[in-house]
Amino acid sequence: MFGTRKKKSENNNNSGSSILGNNKRVAPETGASSNRIGQGTKIQGEIITDGTIRIEGEIDGYIESKDRIIIGETGKVIGDIVCNSIDISGYVNGKLQVQDMLFLKSTAVVDGEIVTNKLVMESGATFNGNCKTKVSSTAKAFMSDNEKSEELAKKAV
């Protein structure tokens, strides 16, 4: 009304052209989220995410991620964990079901049951419990006929 300045809504046409140039558009964010539980934070309950989660605080409950979980040196988890891969530098007490790789750093302490495809432990890591690694097709090729029969019998039950 009093000047030649346009209203903000007239300049914003949702294409991003006023900020990024005439031919550029802002792409919608895609992919999984990244989450962080900071040191000093305590959570009781269930966490389910499609993305990566880094834990420096304490969690008492169930954690599930379709991606990666990182438990830092100050991280503490009491409960079951289901994920694609996990790096542990802190403390975990519970059952871990890991689709791909479980990496125990030198400061890691794990009490519980592990089911994983691959397990890597640095010198100094502590693990108390049971561990089952999935049998790969390469390992099956080296099994005796008796071991193969036992493996098939277990699957049948």
Protein backbone atom coordinates (compact mmCIF):
# COMPACT_ATOMS: atom_id res chain seq x y z
CA MET A 1 0.00 0.00 0.00
CA PHE A 2 2.65 2.57 0.99
CA GLY A 3 5.58 1.27 -1.00
CA THR A 4 6.77 -0.91 -3.83
CA ARG A 5 7.75 -3.74 -1.53
CA LYS A 6 5.83 -6.96 -2.18
CA LYS A 7 4.26 -8.97 0.59
CA LYS A 8 6.20 -12.00 1.79
CA SER A 9 3.44 -14.34 0.59
CA GLU A 10 3.69 -12.93 -2.95
CA ASN A 11 7.41 -13.72 -3.10
CA ASN A 12 7.00 -17.24 -1.72
CA ASN A 13 5.62 -19.49 -4.43
CA ASN A 14 6.74 -22.76 -2.75
CA SER A 15 9.25 -23.49 -5.50
CA GLY A 16 12.23 -22.23 -3.56
CA SER A 17 13.09 -19.91 -6.48
CA SER A 18 13.32 -16.77 -4.35
CA ILE A 19 16.06 -18.32 -2.22
CA LEU A 20 17.85 -20.76 -4.49
CA GLY A 21 17.55 -19.15 -7.91
CA ASN A 22 14.99 -19.45 -10.65
CA ASN A 23 15.65 -23.02 -11.81
CA LYS A 24 16.39 -24.71 -8.47
CA ARG A 25 13.86 -26.39 -6.23
CA VAL A 26 14.13 -27.72 -2.71
CA ALA A 27 13.89 -31.50 -2.77
CA PRO A 28 11.75 -33.14 -0.11
CA GLU A 29 13.76 -34.90 2.55
CA THR A 30 13.94 -38.62 1.92
CA GLY A 31 15.52 -41.52 3.72
CA ALA A 32 15.51 -42.65 7.29
CA SER A 33 15.84 -40.37 10.27
CA SER A 34 18.78 -40.08 12.61
CA ASN A 35 18.07 -40.01 16.35
CA ARG A 36 20.20 -39.27 19.40
CA ILE A 37 19.63 -40.02 23.07
CA GLY A 38 22.07 -37.74 24.89
CA GLN A 39 24.11 -38.39 28.01
CA GLY A 40 22.03 -37.70 31.12
CA THR A 41 18.78 -38.71 29.38
CA LYS A 42 16.85 -41.68 30.80
CA ILE A 43 14.02 -43.35 28.87
CA GLN A 44 11.70 -46.14 29.95
CA GLY A 45 9.62 -47.73 27.23
CA GLU A 46 9.78 -48.73 23.59
CA ILE A 47 11.69 -47.09 20.75
CA ILE A 48 10.96 -48.10 17.15
CA THR A 49 12.60 -46.29 14.23
CA ASP A 50 13.42 -46.82 10.57
CA GLY A 51 16.63 -44.82 10.97
CA THR A 52 19.86 -44.78 12.89
CA ILE A 53 19.84 -44.18 16.63
CA ARG A 54 22.80 -43.15 18.79
CA ILE A 55 22.49 -43.78 22.51
CA GLU A 56 24.69 -41.94 25.02
CA GLY A 57 22.06 -41.98 27.80
CA GLU A 58 20.12 -44.79 29.48
CA ILE A 59 17.23 -46.81 28.10
CA ASP A 60 15.17 -49.35 30.01
CA GLY A 61 12.98 -51.06 27.44
CA TYR A 62 12.74 -52.38 23.89
CA ILE A 63 14.63 -50.86 20.93
CA GLU A 64 14.02 -51.66 17.27
CA SER A 65 15.70 -50.11 14.23
CA LYS A 66 15.61 -51.11 10.58
CA ASP A 67 19.00 -49.43 10.28
CA ARG A 68 21.92 -49.04 12.71
CA ILE A 69 22.17 -48.57 16.46
CA ILE A 70 25.23 -47.04 18.09
CA ILE A 71 25.64 -47.31 21.86
CA GLY A 72 28.37 -44.94 23.03
CA GLU A 73 30.67 -45.41 26.03
CA THR A 74 28.19 -43.66 28.34
CA GLY A 75 25.23 -45.53 26.83
CA LYS A 76 23.35 -48.11 28.90
CA VAL A 77 20.51 -50.32 27.64
CA ILE A 78 18.51 -52.75 29.77
CA GLY A 79 16.19 -54.57 27.41
CA ASP A 80 15.93 -56.32 24.08
CA ILE A 81 17.31 -54.86 20.85
CA VAL A 82 16.35 -55.76 17.28
CA CYS A 83 18.24 -54.05 14.45
CA ASN A 84 20.12 -54.38 11.19
CA SER A 85 23.55 -53.59 12.68
CA ILE A 86 24.88 -52.33 16.00
CA ASP A 87 28.10 -50.90 17.42
CA ILE A 88 28.42 -51.15 21.20
CA SER A 89 30.92 -49.22 23.33
CA GLY A 90 28.74 -49.05 26.46
CA TYR A 91 26.63 -51.51 28.48
CA VAL A 92 23.79 -53.75 27.29
CA ASN A 93 21.79 -56.29 29.30
CA GLY A 94 19.23 -58.15 27.19
CA LYS A 95 18.64 -60.11 24.03
CA LEU A 96 20.17 -58.75 20.82
CA GLN A 97 18.83 -59.83 17.43
CA VAL A 98 21.07 -58.36 14.74
CA GLN A 99 20.38 -58.97 11.05
CA ASP A 100 23.88 -58.14 9.81
CA MET A 101 26.82 -57.23 12.08
CA LEU A 102 27.33 -56.77 15.83
CA PHE A 103 30.50 -54.87 16.66
CA LEU A 104 31.68 -54.89 20.29
CA LYS A 105 34.24 -52.14 20.90
CA SER A 106 36.95 -52.53 23.55
CA THR A 107 34.85 -50.75 26.22
CA ALA A 108 31.67 -52.79 25.54
CA VAL A 109 30.02 -54.92 28.22
CA VAL A 110 27.19 -57.19 27.06
CA ASP A 111 25.23 -59.50 29.34
CA GLY A 112 22.62 -61.61 27.60
CA GLU A 113 21.81 -63.51 24.47
CA ILE A 114 23.03 -62.64 20.97
CA VAL A 115 21.69 -63.80 17.61
CA THR A 116 23.60 -62.25 14.71
CA ASN A 117 24.98 -62.94 11.26
CA LYS A 118 28.46 -61.53 12.03
CA LEU A 119 30.16 -60.80 15.34
CA VAL A 120 33.28 -58.66 15.74
CA MET A 121 34.88 -58.18 19.18
CA GLU A 122 37.77 -55.88 19.94
CA SER A 123 40.27 -56.89 22.59
CA GLY A 124 38.95 -55.79 25.99
CA ALA A 125 35.25 -56.21 25.16
CA THR A 126 33.26 -58.26 27.68
CA PHE A 127 30.48 -60.66 26.72
CA ASN A 128 28.64 -62.88 29.19
CA GLY A 129 25.88 -65.07 27.82
CA ASN A 130 24.96 -67.09 24.75
CA CYS A 131 25.72 -66.30 21.13
CA LYS A 132 24.32 -67.85 17.99
CA THR A 133 25.58 -66.86 14.58
CA LYS A 134 23.58 -67.69 11.50
CA VAL A 135 25.07 -70.46 9.38
CA SER A 136 26.13 -69.17 5.96
CA SER A 137 25.89 -71.17 2.74
CA THR A 138 29.72 -71.38 2.64
CA ALA A 139 29.81 -72.95 6.11
CA LYS A 140 27.09 -75.44 5.11
CA ALA A 141 29.31 -76.65 2.26
CA PHE A 142 31.90 -77.78 4.83
CA MET A 143 29.40 -79.57 7.10
CA SER A 144 29.44 -83.33 7.25
CA ASP A 145 26.35 -85.21 6.03
CA ASN A 146 25.43 -85.96 9.68
CA GLU A 147 25.62 -82.25 10.60
CA LYS A 148 23.48 -81.35 7.57
CA SER A 149 20.87 -83.92 8.63
CA GLU A 150 20.81 -82.49 12.18
CA GLU A 151 20.41 -78.96 10.76
CA LEU A 152 17.46 -80.06 8.61
CA ALA A 153 15.88 -81.87 11.56
CA LYS A 154 16.06 -78.68 13.68
CA LYS A 155 14.30 -76.70 10.94
CA ALA A 156 11.57 -79.34 10.62
CA VAL A 157 10.68 -79.05 14.32
